[in-house]
Protein backbone atom coordinates (compact mmCIF):
# COMPACT_ATOMS: atom_id res chain seq x y z
CA MET A 1 16.72 0.03 -5.28
CA THR A 2 13.76 -1.34 -6.87
CA ASN A 3 10.09 -0.12 -6.84
CA LYS A 4 7.78 -2.57 -5.25
CA LEU A 5 3.75 -2.28 -4.87
CA TYR A 6 2.48 -4.04 -1.82
CA TYR A 7 -1.04 -4.70 -1.63
CA GLY A 8 -2.81 -5.12 1.99
CA ASP A 9 -3.19 -3.58 5.21
CA ASN A 10 -0.18 -1.04 5.62
CA LEU A 11 0.51 -2.03 9.30
CA ASP A 12 0.87 -5.61 8.35
CA ILE A 13 2.86 -4.70 5.38
CA LEU A 14 5.24 -2.54 7.57
CA ARG A 15 5.52 -5.00 10.08
CA GLY A 16 6.33 -8.14 7.78
CA HIS A 17 8.35 -6.47 4.81
CA ILE A 18 9.76 -3.24 5.80
CA ALA A 19 12.83 -3.02 7.85
CA ASP A 20 12.53 -1.05 11.19
CA GLU A 21 13.40 2.76 10.80
CA SER A 22 13.48 2.81 6.97
CA VAL A 23 10.19 4.75 6.41
CA ASP A 24 9.88 8.43 7.46
CA LEU A 25 6.41 9.17 6.07
CA VAL A 26 3.28 7.18 4.67
CA TYR A 27 0.82 9.31 2.86
CA LEU A 28 -2.44 7.78 1.79
CA ASP A 29 -5.13 9.71 -0.27
CA PRO A 30 -7.77 7.24 -1.07
CA PRO A 31 -10.43 8.36 -3.61
CA PHE A 32 -13.62 8.54 -1.24
CA ASN A 33 -16.96 8.02 -2.83
CA SER A 34 -15.76 7.96 -6.39
CA ASN A 35 -17.82 4.39 -7.31
CA ALA A 36 -14.99 3.11 -9.10
CA SER A 37 -13.12 -0.13 -8.55
CA TYR A 38 -9.44 0.10 -7.87
CA ASN A 39 -8.72 -3.65 -7.33
CA VAL A 40 -8.53 -4.26 -11.17
CA LEU A 41 -4.79 -4.63 -10.89
CA PHE A 42 -5.20 -7.41 -8.41
CA GLN A 43 -7.89 -9.57 -9.60
CA ALA A 44 -7.02 -13.39 -9.79
């Protein structure tokens, strides 16, 4: 198994890239109101 990082809407990623019945849990904990830019890894 290789680690992968997907960037985008989680529902679109799950529907388009992840096999059915292979995910048990998705946990999201966004940093609310931090005034930081987290898109640094994804700039063109």
